[in-house]
């Protein structure tokens, strides 16, 4: 499975929304590493502005 297109899309959405988050899992796929899992983990900065972005519909 090539996870790079999905991860690029997720990174683009995070950038467009200004959501402060760190992608923790599978980011190595962007560099061409073989992917052995299908999950991605995120750590979101807990601020009032960021929490509003998490619950706000696009």
PDB file of N, CA and C in Angstrom:
ATOM      1  N   UNK A   1       0.842  -1.184   0.000  1.00  0.00           N
ATOM      2  CA  UNK A   1       0.000   0.000   0.000  1.00  0.00           C
ATOM      3  C   UNK A   1       0.886   1.245   0.000  1.00  0.00           C
ATOM      4  N   UNK A   2       0.604   2.157  -0.877  1.00  0.00           N
ATOM      5  CA  UNK A   2       1.339   3.423  -0.932  1.00  0.00           C
ATOM      6  C   UNK A   2       0.561   4.468  -0.133  1.00  0.00           C
ATOM      7  N   UNK A   3       1.016   4.743   1.077  1.00  0.00           N
ATOM      8  CA  UNK A   3       0.312   5.674   1.967  1.00  0.00           C
ATOM      9  C   UNK A   3       0.635   7.126   1.665  1.00  0.00           C
ATOM     10  N   UNK A   4       1.655   7.377   0.851  1.00  0.00           N
ATOM     11  CA  UNK A   4       2.092   8.756   0.609  1.00  0.00           C
ATOM     12  C   UNK A   4       0.972   9.668   0.128  1.00  0.00           C
ATOM     13  N   UNK A   5       0.142   9.276  -0.854  1.00  0.00           N
ATOM     14  CA  UNK A   5      -0.919  10.194  -1.295  1.00  0.00           C
ATOM     15  C   UNK A   5      -1.891  10.578  -0.174  1.00  0.00           C
ATOM     16  N   UNK A   6      -2.220   9.629   0.671  1.00  0.00           N
ATOM     17  CA  UNK A   6      -3.142   9.905   1.778  1.00  0.00           C
ATOM     18  C   UNK A   6      -2.484  10.841   2.791  1.00  0.00           C
ATOM     19  N   UNK A   7      -1.222  10.560   3.124  1.00  0.00           N
ATOM     20  CA  UNK A   7      -0.524  11.391   4.096  1.00  0.00           C
ATOM     21  C   UNK A   7      -0.307  12.803   3.582  1.00  0.00           C
ATOM     22  N   UNK A   8      -0.030  12.932   2.300  1.00  0.00           N
ATOM     23  CA  UNK A   8       0.117  14.265   1.708  1.00  0.00           C
ATOM     24  C   UNK A   8      -1.193  15.027   1.793  1.00  0.00           C
ATOM     25  N   UNK A   9      -2.293  14.350   1.530  1.00  0.00           N
ATOM     26  CA  UNK A   9      -3.611  15.000   1.614  1.00  0.00           C
ATOM     27  C   UNK A   9      -3.911  15.442   3.050  1.00  0.00           C
ATOM     28  N   UNK A  10      -3.619  14.589   4.008  1.00  0.00           N
ATOM     29  CA  UNK A  10      -3.850  14.937   5.416  1.00  0.00           C
ATOM     30  C   UNK A  10      -2.993  16.137   5.808  1.00  0.00           C
ATOM     31  N   UNK A  11      -1.727  16.123   5.421  1.00  0.00           N
ATOM     32  CA  UNK A  11      -0.837  17.245   5.734  1.00  0.00           C
ATOM     33  C   UNK A  11      -1.337  18.536   5.100  1.00  0.00           C
ATOM     34  N   UNK A  12      -1.856  18.447   3.888  1.00  0.00           N
ATOM     35  CA  UNK A  12      -2.390  19.627   3.202  1.00  0.00           C
ATOM     36  C   UNK A  12      -3.598  20.191   3.951  1.00  0.00           C
ATOM     37  N   UNK A  13      -4.492  19.325   4.415  1.00  0.00           N
ATOM     38  CA  UNK A  13      -5.672  19.785   5.160  1.00  0.00           C
ATOM     39  C   UNK A  13      -5.256  20.432   6.478  1.00  0.00           C
ATOM     40  N   UNK A  14      -4.279  19.831   7.158  1.00  0.00           N
ATOM     41  CA  UNK A  14      -3.798  20.431   8.407  1.00  0.00           C
ATOM     42  C   UNK A  14      -3.236  21.825   8.148  1.00  0.00           C
ATOM     43  N   UNK A  15      -2.476  21.970   7.080  1.00  0.00           N
ATOM     44  CA  UNK A  15      -1.900  23.270   6.741  1.00  0.00           C
ATOM     45  C   UNK A  15      -2.994  24.269   6.373  1.00  0.00           C
ATOM     46  N   UNK A  16      -3.964  23.857   5.557  1.00  0.00           N
ATOM     47  CA  UNK A  16      -5.035  24.762   5.112  1.00  0.00           C
ATOM     48  C   UNK A  16      -5.906  25.240   6.265  1.00  0.00           C
ATOM     49  N   UNK A  17      -6.148  24.378   7.233  1.00  0.00           N
ATOM     50  CA  UNK A  17      -7.007  24.743   8.364  1.00  0.00           C
ATOM     51  C   UNK A  17      -6.241  25.463   9.463  1.00  0.00           C
ATOM     52  N   UNK A  18      -4.916  25.390   9.425  1.00  0.00           N
ATOM     53  CA  UNK A  18      -4.110  26.013  10.462  1.00  0.00           C
ATOM     54  C   UNK A  18      -4.137  25.239  11.769  1.00  0.00           C
ATOM     55  N   UNK A  19      -4.566  23.988  11.710  1.00  0.00           N
ATOM     56  CA  UNK A  19      -4.633  23.151  12.900  1.00  0.00           C
ATOM     57  C   UNK A  19      -3.220  22.788  13.342  1.00  0.00           C
ATOM     58  N   UNK A  20      -2.927  23.038  14.610  1.00  0.00           N
ATOM     59  CA  UNK A  20      -1.607  22.718  15.140  1.00  0.00           C
ATOM     60  C   UNK A  20      -1.600  21.257  15.571  1.00  0.00           C
ATOM     61  N   UNK A  21      -0.898  20.437  14.809  1.00  0.00           N
ATOM     62  CA  UNK A  21      -0.861  19.007  15.090  1.00  0.00           C
ATOM     63  C   UNK A  21       0.456  18.428  14.625  1.00  0.00           C
ATOM     64  N   UNK A  22       0.807  17.309  15.222  1.00  0.00           N
ATOM     65  CA  UNK A  22       1.990  16.567  14.820  1.00  0.00           C
ATOM     66  C   UNK A  22       1.518  15.197  14.361  1.00  0.00           C
ATOM     67  N   UNK A  23       1.932  14.802  13.164  1.00  0.00           N
ATOM     68  CA  UNK A  23       1.622  13.479  12.653  1.00  0.00           C
ATOM     69  C   UNK A  23       2.714  12.547  13.173  1.00  0.00           C
ATOM     70  N   UNK A  24       2.323  11.535  13.933  1.00  0.00           N
ATOM     71  CA  UNK A  24       3.294  10.701  14.622  1.00  0.00           C
ATOM     72  C   UNK A  24       3.544   9.379  13.897  1.00  0.00           C
ATOM     73  N   UNK A  25       2.537   8.806  13.300  1.00  0.00           N
ATOM     74  CA  UNK A  25       2.705   7.505  12.677  1.00  0.00           C
ATOM     75  C   UNK A  25       2.749   7.574  11.166  1.00  0.00           C
ATOM     76  N   UNK A  26       3.516   6.694  10.545  1.00  0.00           N
ATOM     77  CA  UNK A  26       3.566   6.503   9.096  1.00  0.00           C
ATOM     78  C   UNK A  26       4.177   7.637   8.296  1.00  0.00           C
ATOM     79  N   UNK A  27       4.690   8.653   8.910  1.00  0.00           N
ATOM     80  CA  UNK A  27       5.263   9.758   8.146  1.00  0.00           C
ATOM     81  C   UNK A  27       6.458   9.304   7.310  1.00  0.00           C
ATOM     82  N   UNK A  28       7.102   8.207   7.689  1.00  0.00           N
ATOM     83  CA  UNK A  28       8.237   7.697   6.918  1.00  0.00           C
ATOM     84  C   UNK A  28       7.823   7.286   5.509  1.00  0.00           C
ATOM     85  N   UNK A  29       6.538   7.007   5.310  1.00  0.00           N
ATOM     86  CA  UNK A  29       6.054   6.632   3.975  1.00  0.00           C
ATOM     87  C   UNK A  29       6.268   7.763   2.985  1.00  0.00           C
ATOM     88  N   UNK A  30       6.278   8.992   3.465  1.00  0.00           N
ATOM     89  CA  UNK A  30       6.523  10.127   2.580  1.00  0.00           C
ATOM     90  C   UNK A  30       7.929  10.098   2.007  1.00  0.00           C
ATOM     91  N   UNK A  31       8.833   9.422   2.694  1.00  0.00           N
ATOM     92  CA  UNK A  31      10.213   9.308   2.230  1.00  0.00           C
ATOM     93  C   UNK A  31      10.456   7.987   1.494  1.00  0.00           C
ATOM     94  N   UNK A  32       9.377   7.242   1.239  1.00  0.00           N
ATOM     95  CA  UNK A  32       9.506   6.007   0.477  1.00  0.00           C
ATOM     96  C   UNK A  32       9.731   4.751   1.295  1.00  0.00           C
ATOM     97  N   UNK A  33       9.632   4.846   2.609  1.00  0.00           N
ATOM     98  CA  UNK A  33       9.808   3.663   3.446  1.00  0.00           C
ATOM     99  C   UNK A  33       8.624   2.718   3.270  1.00  0.00           C
ATOM    100  N   UNK A  34       8.868   1.412   3.304  1.00  0.00           N
ATOM    101  CA  UNK A  34       7.746   0.470   3.201  1.00  0.00           C
ATOM    102  C   UNK A  34       6.799   0.654   4.394  1.00  0.00           C
ATOM    103  N   UNK A  35       5.528   0.653   4.138  1.00  0.00           N
ATOM    104  CA  UNK A  35       4.526   0.847   5.184  1.00  0.00           C
ATOM    105  C   UNK A  35       3.991  -0.506   5.620  1.00  0.00           C
ATOM    106  N   UNK A  36       4.010  -0.742   6.927  1.00  0.00           N
ATOM    107  CA  UNK A  36       3.532  -2.023   7.438  1.00  0.00           C
ATOM    108  C   UNK A  36       2.240  -1.891   8.230  1.00  0.00           C
ATOM    109  N   UNK A  37       1.806  -0.673   8.486  1.00  0.00           N
ATOM    110  CA  UNK A  37       0.550  -0.461   9.205  1.00  0.00           C
ATOM    111  C   UNK A  37      -0.336   0.473   8.394  1.00  0.00           C
ATOM    112  N   UNK A  38      -1.596   0.526   8.751  1.00  0.00           N
ATOM    113  CA  UNK A  38      -2.520   1.398   8.032  1.00  0.00           C
ATOM    114  C   UNK A  38      -3.101   2.479   8.934  1.00  0.00           C
ATOM    115  N   UNK A  39      -2.478   2.711  10.073  1.00  0.00           N
ATOM    116  CA  UNK A  39      -2.968   3.749  10.975  1.00  0.00           C
ATOM    117  C   UNK A  39      -1.986   4.916  11.018  1.00  0.00           C
ATOM    118  N   UNK A  40      -2.515   6.063  11.351  1.00  0.00           N
ATOM    119  CA  UNK A  40      -1.711   7.263  11.531  1.00  0.00           C
ATOM    120  C   UNK A  40      -2.150   7.896  12.845  1.00  0.00           C
ATOM    121  N   UNK A  41      -1.198   8.285  13.656  1.00  0.00           N
ATOM    122  CA  UNK A  41      -1.496   8.897  14.941  1.00  0.00           C
ATOM    123  C   UNK A  41      -1.175  10.383  14.883  1.00  0.00           C
ATOM    124  N   UNK A  42      -1.991  11.171  15.611  1.00  0.00           N
ATOM    125  CA  UNK A  42      -1.803  12.608  15.660  1.00  0.00           C
ATOM    126  C   UNK A  42      -1.777  13.075  17.099  1.00  0.00           C
ATOM    127  N   UNK A  43      -1.012  14.111  17.338  1.00  0.00           N
ATOM    128  CA  UNK A  43      -1.031  14.804  18.617  1.00  0.00           C
ATOM    129  C   UNK A  43      -1.454  16.231  18.309  1.00  0.00           C
ATOM    130  N   UNK A  44      -2.574  16.656  18.894  1.00  0.00           N
ATOM    131  CA  UNK A  44      -3.106  17.997  18.666  1.00  0.00           C
ATOM    132  C   UNK A  44      -2.791  18.886  19.854  1.00  0.00           C
ATOM    133  N   UNK A  45      -2.316  20.070  19.556  1.00  0.00           N
ATOM    134  CA  UNK A  45      -2.046  21.036  20.615  1.00  0.00           C
ATOM    135  C   UNK A  45      -3.374  21.470  21.214  1.00  0.00           C
ATOM    136  N   UNK A  46      -3.477  21.411  22.542  1.00  0.00           N
ATOM    137  CA  UNK A  46      -4.746  21.701  23.220  1.00  0.00           C
ATOM    138  C   UNK A  46      -4.810  23.181  23.600  1.00  0.00           C
ATOM    139  N   UNK A  47      -5.316  23.986  22.668  1.00  0.00           N
ATOM    140  CA  UNK A  47      -5.559  25.404  22.906  1.00  0.00           C
ATOM    141  C   UNK A  47      -7.005  25.678  22.525  1.00  0.00           C
ATOM    142  N   UNK A  48      -7.617  26.731  23.054  1.00  0.00           N
ATOM    143  CA  UNK A  48      -9.004  27.030  22.681  1.00  0.00           C
ATOM    144  C   UNK A  48      -9.186  27.176  21.162  1.00  0.00           C
ATOM    145  N   UNK A  49      -8.284  27.861  20.504  1.00  0.00           N
ATOM    146  CA  UNK A  49      -8.409  28.055  19.056  1.00  0.00           C
ATOM    147  C   UNK A  49      -8.287  26.729  18.310  1.00  0.00           C
ATOM    148  N   UNK A  50      -7.369  25.900  18.719  1.00  0.00           N
ATOM    149  CA  UNK A  50      -7.170  24.619  18.056  1.00  0.00           C
ATOM    150  C   UNK A  50      -8.363  23.686  18.289  1.00  0.00           C
ATOM    151  N   UNK A  51      -8.914  23.702  19.505  1.00  0.00           N
ATOM    152  CA  UNK A  51     -10.086  22.869  19.793  1.00  0.00           C
ATOM    153  C   UNK A  51     -11.281  23.293  18.943  1.00  0.00           C
ATOM    154  N   UNK A  52     -11.443  24.593  18.708  1.00  0.00           N
ATOM    155  CA  UNK A  52     -12.522  25.045  17.826  1.00  0.00           C
ATOM    156  C   UNK A  52     -12.318  24.536  16.402  1.00  0.00           C
ATOM    157  N   UNK A  53     -11.087  24.506  15.946  1.00  0.00           N
ATOM    158  CA  UNK A  53     -10.798  24.010  14.604  1.00  0.00           C
ATOM    159  C   UNK A  53     -11.097  22.514  14.491  1.00  0.00           C
ATOM    160  N   UNK A  54     -10.896  21.770  15.573  1.00  0.00           N
ATOM    161  CA  UNK A  54     -11.157  20.334  15.550  1.00  0.00           C
ATOM    162  C   UNK A  54     -12.646  20.017  15.419  1.00  0.00           C
ATOM    163  N   UNK A  55     -13.502  20.835  16.006  1.00  0.00           N
ATOM    164  CA  UNK A  55     -14.929  20.547  15.982  1.00  0.00           C
ATOM    165  C   UNK A  55     -15.691  21.315  14.899  1.00  0.00           C
ATOM    166  N   UNK A  56     -15.035  22.252  14.250  1.00  0.00           N
ATOM    167  CA  UNK A  56     -15.698  23.057  13.241  1.00  0.00           C
ATOM    168  C   UNK A  56     -15.798  22.310  11.912  1.00  0.00           C
ATOM    169  N   UNK A  57     -17.009  22.253  11.319  1.00  0.00           N
ATOM    170  CA  UNK A  57     -17.131  21.610  10.020  1.00  0.00           C
ATOM    171  C   UNK A  57     -16.469  22.464   8.944  1.00  0.00           C
ATOM    172  N   UNK A  58     -15.982  21.828   7.904  1.00  0.00           N
ATOM    173  CA  UNK A  58     -15.323  22.546   6.814  1.00  0.00           C
ATOM    174  C   UNK A  58     -16.342  23.185   5.919  1.00  0.00           C
TER     175      UNK A  58
END
